[in-house]
């Protein structure tokens, strides 16, 4: 437990963190709008990257900034370590920024606000710690800019490059239609399916052709029928990206893109095998050659951390946050995020926050909302809640230990279940293999 003296420091720091965020309100809003006004796709976020780097080097002095950190459009800004004993290993508290946009509709998922929350929370924590003459422990603050969440999995690349190795706890928050300390994001893997047939005149001698569009249609329908036998919370959805060039030419090439999702990472290989059978069956039926190209990375489901979630709710309520109690929302898996992979390597929390609109993510209406002045109040309130939660961890060694133990239990449980699935799976995708080859 926190002793009386440290409890006073903790409460002082929480107030000071909120004051620091309020003091930076204008520059934080400008940061968000600069990113919102110039939407950039995954791994192409040069303007967003440069804007954030300037923010921590020019507008906010005292940060050690590494631009192009391990990835071209990633960055890292650090402050500290401060407090404690000089030789003590610091508690490294991380705040994550996202800033890639969606094709055609821009920041319809609000990553400009995610970047703002991460920056604001980091400023708040620094300001709070600077207000004290002494700290009970040694602390370091890290802001990590993580590109390509929507497509490619930049956080996974950063994990593999060692960017998270020295972090002790990480925080981020995502815009939504409600406030929640945790929502069940799904494991996900994307696949591109290509069918190769043979062109021919579709009226004069169609029998000479091999119709790749037929294969794509069959595969699409196979997957639609497969949904009847899937668990209710499993998802597969996709589009036909290429279906031919002219009605009087038998299509010699077609292409589909599908996302495969399961609430738990351990179930993803099962769904993948079922989907492959559907894809390959269409190739066999039409005589086409097939190529399967899986995305470089699988997204893991987000591991919950009950300790951090409880702290976040307590702090949020003190600021007037009304957390959703809708069990359907709280227990129904929805989207996917590469933060799930982060949650397997370091304790953390991926919260959701209301931004003043009932519009749904990935719509033009939500794009408009994420660039509105109305969203600023909710965004900064969320940043304050994250900082207050981080301060609870910093000032209470028992809580910090509980956070780490909760993470270890959740991670080991998931990994043990995954090993059980693999060791018990005697039949792999080869039992349904047919024409063509598969590449990953």
Protein backbone atom coordinates (compact mmCIF):
# COMPACT_ATOMS: atom_id res chain seq x y z
CA UNK A 1 0.00 0.00 0.00
CA UNK A 2 1.02 3.64 -0.47
CA UNK A 3 2.11 5.29 2.79
CA UNK A 4 0.56 8.59 3.81
CA UNK A 5 3.41 10.76 2.56
CA UNK A 6 3.50 9.08 -0.85
CA UNK A 7 -0.31 9.16 -1.02
CA UNK A 8 -0.15 12.95 -0.77
CA UNK A 9 2.48 13.02 -3.49
CA UNK A 10 0.36 10.74 -5.66
CA UNK A 11 -2.71 12.95 -5.39
CA UNK A 12 -0.58 16.04 -6.01
CA UNK A 13 0.85 14.41 -9.14
CA UNK A 14 -2.58 13.52 -10.48
CA UNK A 15 -3.72 17.13 -10.18
CA UNK A 16 -0.47 18.39 -11.66
CA UNK A 17 -0.70 15.97 -14.61
CA UNK A 18 -4.17 17.24 -15.47
CA UNK A 19 -3.00 20.85 -15.21
CA UNK A 20 -0.07 20.18 -17.53
CA UNK A 21 -2.33 18.60 -20.14
CA UNK A 22 -4.74 21.53 -19.94
CA UNK A 23 -1.85 23.97 -20.33
CA UNK A 24 -0.82 22.22 -23.55
CA UNK A 25 -4.38 21.99 -24.90
CA UNK A 26 -3.83 24.31 -27.85
CA UNK A 27 -0.61 22.71 -29.06
CA UNK A 28 -2.08 19.23 -28.63
CA UNK A 29 -5.13 20.16 -30.69
CA UNK A 30 -2.85 21.57 -33.39
CA UNK A 31 -0.89 18.31 -33.38
CA UNK A 32 -4.04 16.27 -33.87
CA UNK A 33 -5.38 18.51 -36.62
CA UNK A 34 -2.08 18.48 -38.52
CA UNK A 35 -2.28 14.69 -38.67
CA UNK A 36 -6.04 14.65 -39.41
CA UNK A 37 -5.66 17.16 -42.26
CA UNK A 38 -3.08 15.05 -44.07
CA UNK A 39 -4.21 11.40 -43.86
CA UNK A 40 -1.51 8.91 -44.82
CA UNK A 41 -1.64 5.16 -45.36
CA UNK A 42 0.35 2.50 -43.51
CA UNK A 43 4.14 2.91 -43.65
CA UNK A 44 3.67 6.17 -45.60
CA UNK A 45 3.03 8.44 -42.61
CA UNK A 46 5.90 10.82 -43.31
CA UNK A 47 4.02 14.01 -42.47
CA UNK A 48 2.56 12.57 -39.27
CA UNK A 49 5.97 11.26 -38.25
CA UNK A 50 7.63 14.62 -38.87
CA UNK A 51 4.85 16.48 -37.06
CA UNK A 52 5.25 14.34 -33.94
CA UNK A 53 9.05 14.54 -34.03
CA UNK A 54 8.85 18.36 -34.24
CA UNK A 55 6.37 18.38 -31.37
CA UNK A 56 8.83 16.63 -29.05
CA UNK A 57 11.94 18.46 -30.28
CA UNK A 58 10.74 22.01 -30.94
CA UNK A 59 7.49 22.61 -29.08
CA UNK A 60 8.38 20.45 -26.07
CA UNK A 61 11.98 20.76 -24.96
CA UNK A 62 13.91 18.22 -22.95
CA UNK A 63 12.94 15.03 -24.75
CA UNK A 64 15.54 12.75 -26.31
CA UNK A 65 14.04 12.01 -29.72
CA UNK A 66 15.00 9.32 -32.21
CA UNK A 67 13.30 9.84 -35.55
CA UNK A 68 12.95 6.93 -37.98
CA UNK A 69 13.30 4.64 -34.97
CA UNK A 70 13.75 1.07 -36.31
CA UNK A 71 11.12 1.84 -38.99
CA UNK A 72 11.08 4.74 -41.42
CA UNK A 73 7.91 6.29 -39.98
CA UNK A 74 8.34 5.26 -36.34
CA UNK A 75 9.90 7.43 -33.62
CA UNK A 76 10.82 7.29 -29.96
CA UNK A 77 10.89 10.17 -27.48
CA UNK A 78 12.20 9.59 -23.95
CA UNK A 79 12.47 11.69 -20.80
CA UNK A 80 14.34 10.73 -17.68
CA UNK A 81 15.18 8.66 -15.82
CA UNK A 82 14.44 10.68 -12.69
CA UNK A 83 13.99 9.93 -8.99
CA UNK A 84 14.99 6.96 -6.88
CA UNK A 85 18.60 5.90 -6.60
CA UNK A 86 20.91 6.60 -9.50
CA UNK A 87 21.88 2.96 -9.98
CA UNK A 88 18.31 1.64 -9.76
CA UNK A 89 16.71 0.32 -12.94
CA UNK A 90 13.93 2.80 -13.79
CA UNK A 91 10.30 1.88 -14.32
CA UNK A 92 9.90 2.57 -18.04
CA UNK A 93 6.34 3.79 -18.67
CA UNK A 94 5.38 3.79 -22.35
CA UNK A 95 2.66 5.66 -24.23
CA UNK A 96 1.91 4.53 -27.78
CA UNK A 97 0.89 6.75 -30.69
CA UNK A 98 -0.80 5.60 -33.88
CA UNK A 99 -1.27 7.87 -36.90
CA UNK A 100 -1.99 5.93 -40.09
CA UNK A 101 -5.28 6.50 -41.92
CA UNK A 102 -7.68 4.50 -44.06
CA UNK A 103 -7.92 4.57 -47.88
CA UNK A 104 -10.40 7.11 -49.26
CA UNK A 105 -12.01 8.07 -45.91
CA UNK A 106 -8.99 9.35 -44.00
CA UNK A 107 -8.92 9.25 -40.20
CA UNK A 108 -12.17 7.34 -39.85
CA UNK A 109 -10.66 5.35 -36.98
CA UNK A 110 -9.34 8.40 -35.15
CA UNK A 111 -5.64 7.63 -35.13
CA UNK A 112 -4.95 11.36 -35.03
CA UNK A 113 -6.61 11.32 -31.60
CA UNK A 114 -4.61 8.25 -30.55
CA UNK A 115 -1.45 10.18 -31.36
CA UNK A 116 -2.74 13.14 -29.36
CA UNK A 117 -3.65 10.99 -26.36
CA UNK A 118 -0.19 9.41 -26.30
CA UNK A 119 1.57 12.77 -26.55
CA UNK A 120 -0.71 14.40 -23.98
CA UNK A 121 -0.32 11.58 -21.47
CA UNK A 122 3.46 11.71 -21.79
CA UNK A 123 3.49 15.48 -21.20
CA UNK A 124 1.20 15.04 -18.21
CA UNK A 125 3.33 12.36 -16.60
CA UNK A 126 6.53 14.34 -17.12
CA UNK A 127 4.99 17.49 -15.69
CA UNK A 128 3.68 15.63 -12.66
CA UNK A 129 7.03 14.02 -11.88
CA UNK A 130 8.92 17.28 -12.42
CA UNK A 131 6.75 18.94 -9.78
CA UNK A 132 8.25 16.74 -7.03
CA UNK A 133 11.60 17.22 -5.38
CA UNK A 134 11.93 13.52 -4.63
CA UNK A 135 10.40 10.37 -6.10
CA UNK A 136 10.08 7.00 -4.34
CA UNK A 137 11.30 5.12 -7.43
CA UNK A 138 13.28 5.83 -10.56
CA UNK A 139 11.07 6.53 -13.58
CA UNK A 140 11.52 6.91 -17.32
CA UNK A 141 8.83 8.10 -19.74
CA UNK A 142 8.79 6.80 -23.32
CA UNK A 143 6.59 7.81 -26.24
CA UNK A 144 6.68 5.32 -29.10
CA UNK A 145 5.29 6.23 -32.49
CA UNK A 146 3.92 3.05 -34.07
CA UNK A 147 2.99 3.20 -37.77
CA UNK A 148 0.84 0.90 -39.87
CA UNK A 149 -1.80 -0.39 -37.47
CA UNK A 150 -4.47 -0.52 -40.17
CA UNK A 151 -2.37 -2.55 -42.57
CA UNK A 152 0.92 -4.30 -41.96
CA UNK A 153 1.29 -4.38 -38.18
CA UNK A 154 3.97 -1.81 -37.40
CA UNK A 155 3.98 -2.70 -33.71
CA UNK A 156 4.86 -6.28 -34.59
CA UNK A 157 7.82 -5.07 -36.63
CA UNK A 158 8.86 -2.94 -33.66
CA UNK A 159 8.52 -5.90 -31.29
CA UNK A 160 10.78 -7.98 -33.54
CA UNK A 161 13.27 -5.10 -33.67
CA UNK A 162 13.43 -4.95 -29.86
CA UNK A 163 11.60 -1.65 -29.35
CA UNK A 164 9.60 -2.97 -26.39
CA UNK A 165 12.36 -4.87 -24.60
CA UNK A 166 12.99 -2.30 -21.85
CA UNK A 167 9.39 -1.21 -21.29
CA UNK A 168 7.64 -2.17 -18.05
CA UNK A 169 4.07 -1.06 -18.77
CA UNK A 170 2.44 0.53 -21.83
CA UNK A 171 -0.70 2.60 -22.33
CA UNK A 172 -2.82 3.66 -25.27
CA UNK A 173 -6.44 4.58 -25.94
CA UNK A 174 -8.62 4.23 -29.03
CA UNK A 175 -11.65 6.33 -30.08
CA UNK A 176 -14.99 4.53 -30.00
CA UNK A 177 -18.71 5.01 -29.33
CA UNK A 178 -18.34 4.40 -25.60
CA UNK A 179 -15.83 4.52 -22.75
CA UNK A 180 -14.42 1.14 -21.74
CA UNK A 181 -11.28 0.06 -19.93
CA UNK A 182 -11.21 -3.08 -22.08
CA UNK A 183 -13.04 -4.43 -25.11
CA UNK A 184 -12.23 -7.85 -26.59
CA UNK A 185 -10.25 -7.25 -29.78
CA UNK A 186 -9.84 -10.31 -31.98
CA UNK A 187 -6.89 -12.20 -33.37
CA UNK A 188 -6.64 -11.64 -37.12
CA UNK A 189 -4.76 -12.79 -40.21
CA UNK A 190 -5.32 -11.54 -43.72
CA UNK A 191 -4.95 -13.57 -46.88
CA UNK A 192 -4.78 -12.71 -50.57
CA UNK A 193 -6.02 -15.42 -52.93
CA UNK A 194 -5.07 -15.41 -56.60
CA UNK A 195 -6.59 -17.68 -59.25
CA UNK A 196 -4.93 -18.19 -62.61
CA UNK A 197 -7.00 -19.54 -65.50
CA UNK A 198 -6.88 -19.20 -69.27
CA UNK A 199 -8.31 -16.44 -71.46
CA UNK A 200 -10.58 -17.20 -74.39
CA UNK A 201 -13.40 -15.61 -76.38
CA UNK A 202 -16.40 -15.86 -74.07
CA UNK A 203 -18.91 -16.20 -76.94
CA UNK A 204 -17.05 -17.90 -79.77
CA UNK A 205 -15.20 -20.67 -77.89
CA UNK A 206 -15.65 -20.37 -74.10
CA UNK A 207 -14.76 -24.07 -73.74
CA UNK A 208 -11.16 -23.17 -74.52
CA UNK A 209 -10.96 -20.93 -71.47
CA UNK A 210 -10.48 -21.54 -67.74
CA UNK A 211 -12.54 -19.00 -65.84
CA UNK A 212 -10.67 -17.48 -62.89
CA UNK A 213 -13.66 -15.33 -61.96
CA UNK A 214 -15.72 -18.49 -61.50
CA UNK A 215 -13.12 -19.67 -59.02
CA UNK A 216 -13.34 -16.41 -57.09
CA UNK A 217 -17.14 -16.56 -57.01
CA UNK A 218 -17.11 -20.18 -55.90
CA UNK A 219 -14.61 -19.40 -53.15
CA UNK A 220 -16.69 -16.43 -51.98
CA UNK A 221 -19.80 -18.60 -51.85
CA UNK A 222 -17.93 -21.45 -50.16
CA UNK A 223 -16.91 -19.09 -47.37
CA UNK A 224 -20.44 -17.73 -47.08
CA UNK A 225 -21.73 -21.26 -46.56
CA UNK A 226 -18.89 -22.05 -44.16
CA UNK A 227 -20.18 -19.34 -41.80
CA UNK A 228 -23.10 -21.64 -40.91
CA UNK A 229 -20.62 -24.03 -39.26
CA UNK A 230 -18.42 -21.43 -37.57
CA UNK A 231 -18.61 -20.40 -33.95
CA UNK A 232 -20.86 -17.34 -33.52
CA UNK A 233 -17.98 -15.01 -32.64
CA UNK A 234 -15.63 -16.08 -35.46
CA UNK A 235 -15.46 -13.75 -38.43
CA UNK A 236 -14.35 -13.97 -42.06
CA UNK A 237 -15.02 -11.25 -44.58
CA UNK A 238 -13.50 -10.09 -47.80
CA UNK A 239 -13.75 -8.58 -51.26
CA UNK A 240 -13.08 -9.55 -54.86
CA UNK A 241 -10.34 -7.14 -55.88
CA UNK A 242 -9.99 -8.33 -59.47
CA UNK A 243 -12.48 -10.23 -61.58
CA UNK A 244 -11.54 -9.80 -65.22
CA UNK A 245 -11.09 -7.08 -67.81
CA UNK A 246 -13.94 -7.39 -70.37
CA UNK A 247 -17.18 -9.38 -70.57
CA UNK A 248 -16.27 -11.08 -73.85
CA UNK A 249 -12.97 -12.43 -72.47
CA UNK A 250 -12.97 -15.42 -70.17
CA UNK A 251 -11.16 -14.01 -67.09
CA UNK A 252 -7.70 -15.51 -66.78
CA UNK A 253 -7.00 -13.91 -63.39
CA UNK A 254 -8.96 -13.08 -60.27
CA UNK A 255 -8.02 -11.96 -56.80
CA UNK A 256 -9.73 -11.95 -53.41
CA UNK A 257 -8.68 -10.43 -50.10
CA UNK A 258 -10.07 -11.84 -46.86
CA UNK A 259 -9.63 -11.16 -43.15
CA UNK A 260 -9.89 -14.12 -40.79
CA UNK A 261 -10.68 -13.36 -37.14
CA UNK A 262 -11.16 -15.33 -33.94
CA UNK A 263 -11.58 -14.01 -30.39
CA UNK A 264 -8.58 -16.05 -29.21
CA UNK A 265 -5.31 -16.43 -31.05
CA UNK A 266 -5.28 -20.17 -30.41
CA UNK A 267 -8.32 -20.62 -32.71
CA UNK A 268 -6.89 -18.72 -35.66
CA UNK A 269 -5.11 -21.75 -37.22
CA UNK A 270 -8.38 -23.69 -37.10
CA UNK A 271 -10.27 -21.02 -39.03
CA UNK A 272 -7.37 -20.63 -41.44
CA UNK A 273 -7.46 -24.34 -42.29
CA UNK A 274 -11.20 -24.25 -42.94
CA UNK A 275 -10.86 -21.19 -45.18
CA UNK A 276 -8.01 -22.77 -47.14
CA UNK A 277 -10.20 -25.75 -47.94
CA UNK A 278 -12.81 -23.39 -49.39
CA UNK A 279 -10.24 -21.55 -51.49
CA UNK A 280 -8.63 -24.73 -52.81
CA UNK A 281 -11.95 -26.42 -53.55
CA UNK A 282 -12.81 -23.55 -55.91
CA UNK A 283 -9.51 -24.05 -57.72
CA UNK A 284 -10.17 -27.77 -58.11
CA UNK A 285 -13.72 -27.20 -59.38
CA UNK A 286 -12.65 -24.72 -62.07
CA UNK A 287 -9.23 -26.10 -63.00
CA UNK A 288 -7.49 -22.90 -61.97
CA UNK A 289 -4.10 -22.61 -60.38
CA UNK A 290 -4.22 -20.98 -56.93
CA UNK A 291 -1.78 -18.91 -54.90
CA UNK A 292 -2.39 -18.11 -51.23
CA UNK A 293 -0.43 -15.19 -49.81
CA UNK A 294 -0.85 -14.58 -46.09
CA UNK A 295 -0.01 -11.27 -44.48
CA UNK A 296 3.46 -11.02 -42.94
CA UNK A 297 2.00 -10.79 -39.45
CA UNK A 298 -0.80 -12.31 -37.44
CA UNK A 299 -2.54 -9.94 -35.04
CA UNK A 300 -3.04 -11.41 -31.56
CA UNK A 301 -6.07 -10.79 -29.41
CA UNK A 302 -5.52 -8.21 -26.66
CA UNK A 303 -4.78 -9.78 -23.29
CA UNK A 304 -6.80 -8.18 -20.48
CA UNK A 305 -5.10 -6.79 -17.39
CA UNK A 306 -7.71 -6.61 -14.66
CA UNK A 307 -5.53 -4.53 -12.33
CA UNK A 308 -4.90 -1.80 -14.89
CA UNK A 309 -8.54 -1.88 -15.99
CA UNK A 310 -9.78 -1.38 -12.44
CA UNK A 311 -7.38 1.51 -11.84
CA UNK A 312 -8.35 3.12 -15.14
CA UNK A 313 -12.05 2.96 -14.30
CA UNK A 314 -11.51 4.42 -10.83
CA UNK A 315 -9.49 7.32 -12.21
CA UNK A 316 -11.87 7.87 -15.10
CA UNK A 317 -14.89 8.05 -12.83
CA UNK A 318 -13.14 10.70 -10.75
CA UNK A 319 -13.01 12.81 -13.92
CA UNK A 320 -16.65 12.17 -14.83
CA UNK A 321 -16.20 9.34 -17.32
CA UNK A 322 -19.31 7.17 -17.62
CA UNK A 323 -18.12 3.71 -18.57
CA UNK A 324 -20.42 1.47 -20.56
CA UNK A 325 -22.20 -1.31 -18.67
CA UNK A 326 -23.73 -2.86 -21.79
CA UNK A 327 -22.78 -6.53 -21.56
CA UNK A 328 -23.21 -6.98 -25.29
CA UNK A 329 -20.60 -4.31 -25.96
CA UNK A 330 -18.26 -5.52 -23.23
CA UNK A 331 -18.34 -9.18 -24.26
CA UNK A 332 -18.68 -9.12 -28.05
CA UNK A 333 -15.39 -9.20 -30.00
CA UNK A 334 -15.18 -6.55 -32.67
CA UNK A 335 -12.06 -5.36 -34.48
CA UNK A 336 -8.38 -6.25 -34.30
CA UNK A 337 -5.21 -4.37 -33.41
CA UNK A 338 -1.49 -5.04 -33.39
CA UNK A 339 -1.53 -3.87 -29.77
CA UNK A 340 -2.66 -7.43 -29.14
CA UNK A 341 0.87 -8.58 -29.97
CA UNK A 342 2.27 -5.93 -27.61
CA UNK A 343 0.06 -7.24 -24.81
CA UNK A 344 1.85 -10.60 -25.11
CA UNK A 345 5.31 -9.08 -24.52
CA UNK A 346 4.71 -6.32 -21.94
CA UNK A 347 1.90 -5.51 -19.47
CA UNK A 348 -0.40 -2.87 -20.85
CA UNK A 349 -3.84 -1.50 -21.43
CA UNK A 350 -5.71 -0.58 -24.64
CA UNK A 351 -8.74 1.43 -23.58
CA UNK A 352 -11.60 2.92 -25.60
CA UNK A 353 -13.07 6.39 -25.32
CA UNK A 354 -16.17 8.22 -26.46
CA UNK A 355 -15.53 11.33 -28.59
CA UNK A 356 -18.98 12.94 -28.55
CA UNK A 357 -20.63 11.16 -31.48
CA UNK A 358 -22.70 8.06 -32.11
CA UNK A 359 -21.16 7.66 -35.58
CA UNK A 360 -19.42 4.36 -36.19
CA UNK A 361 -15.70 3.87 -36.83
CA UNK A 362 -14.61 3.47 -40.46
CA UNK A 363 -17.31 5.78 -41.78
CA UNK A 364 -17.14 9.26 -43.30
CA UNK A 365 -19.18 10.56 -40.38
CA UNK A 366 -16.55 9.33 -37.94
CA UNK A 367 -13.81 10.99 -39.97
CA UNK A 368 -15.60 14.30 -39.51
CA UNK A 369 -16.02 13.66 -35.78
CA UNK A 370 -12.34 12.87 -35.18
CA UNK A 371 -11.42 16.27 -36.60
CA UNK A 372 -14.00 18.20 -34.60
CA UNK A 373 -13.40 20.51 -31.65
CA UNK A 374 -15.96 18.51 -29.68
CA UNK A 375 -13.65 15.48 -29.63
CA UNK A 376 -10.93 17.44 -27.85
CA UNK A 377 -12.56 17.41 -24.42
CA UNK A 378 -12.95 13.64 -24.42
CA UNK A 379 -9.49 13.05 -25.88
CA UNK A 380 -7.70 15.07 -23.20
CA UNK A 381 -9.85 13.60 -20.44
CA UNK A 382 -8.74 10.17 -21.60
CA UNK A 383 -5.09 11.23 -21.56
CA UNK A 384 -5.53 12.44 -17.97
CA UNK A 385 -7.05 9.10 -17.01
CA UNK A 386 -4.13 7.19 -18.53
CA UNK A 387 -1.59 9.33 -16.66
CA UNK A 388 -3.41 8.93 -13.37
CA UNK A 389 -3.39 5.16 -13.88
CA UNK A 390 0.33 5.23 -14.65
CA UNK A 391 0.94 7.22 -11.48
CA UNK A 392 -0.91 4.60 -9.41
CA UNK A 393 1.48 1.99 -10.77
CA UNK A 394 4.56 4.14 -10.16
CA UNK A 395 3.71 5.06 -6.57
CA UNK A 396 2.53 1.64 -5.40
CA UNK A 397 5.05 -1.24 -5.70
CA UNK A 398 2.37 -3.77 -4.69
CA UNK A 399 0.11 -2.66 -7.54
CA UNK A 400 3.02 -2.74 -9.98
CA UNK A 401 3.74 -6.33 -8.93
CA UNK A 402 0.08 -7.28 -9.33
CA UNK A 403 0.04 -5.78 -12.83
CA UNK A 404 3.03 -7.92 -13.80
CA UNK A 405 1.56 -11.06 -12.23
CA UNK A 406 -1.78 -10.54 -13.98
CA UNK A 407 0.05 -10.20 -17.29
CA UNK A 408 2.07 -13.38 -16.73
CA UNK A 409 -1.01 -15.41 -15.83
CA UNK A 410 -2.98 -14.24 -18.88
CA UNK A 411 -0.05 -14.75 -21.26
CA UNK A 412 0.86 -18.22 -20.01
CA UNK A 413 -2.77 -19.34 -20.13
CA UNK A 414 -3.10 -18.28 -23.76
CA UNK A 415 0.25 -19.77 -24.78
CA UNK A 416 -0.49 -23.09 -23.07
CA UNK A 417 -3.85 -23.31 -24.84
CA UNK A 418 -2.15 -22.55 -28.15
CA UNK A 419 0.40 -25.31 -27.59
CA UNK A 420 -2.43 -27.69 -26.82
CA UNK A 421 -4.16 -26.86 -30.11
CA UNK A 422 -0.97 -27.41 -32.12
CA UNK A 423 0.01 -30.69 -30.41
CA UNK A 424 -3.52 -32.05 -30.72
CA UNK A 425 -3.96 -31.17 -34.39
CA UNK A 426 -3.00 -34.29 -36.30
CA UNK A 427 -4.56 -33.19 -39.57
CA UNK A 428 -3.23 -30.03 -41.17
CA UNK A 429 -4.33 -28.14 -44.26
CA UNK A 430 -2.73 -30.76 -46.48
CA UNK A 431 -5.79 -33.00 -46.22
CA UNK A 432 -7.76 -30.55 -48.36
CA UNK A 433 -4.98 -29.47 -50.70
CA UNK A 434 -5.64 -29.48 -54.39
CA UNK A 435 -4.47 -27.63 -57.46
CA UNK A 436 -1.76 -25.00 -57.30
CA UNK A 437 0.68 -23.82 -54.66
CA UNK A 438 0.49 -21.84 -51.43
CA UNK A 439 2.95 -19.13 -50.41
CA UNK A 440 3.04 -17.06 -47.26
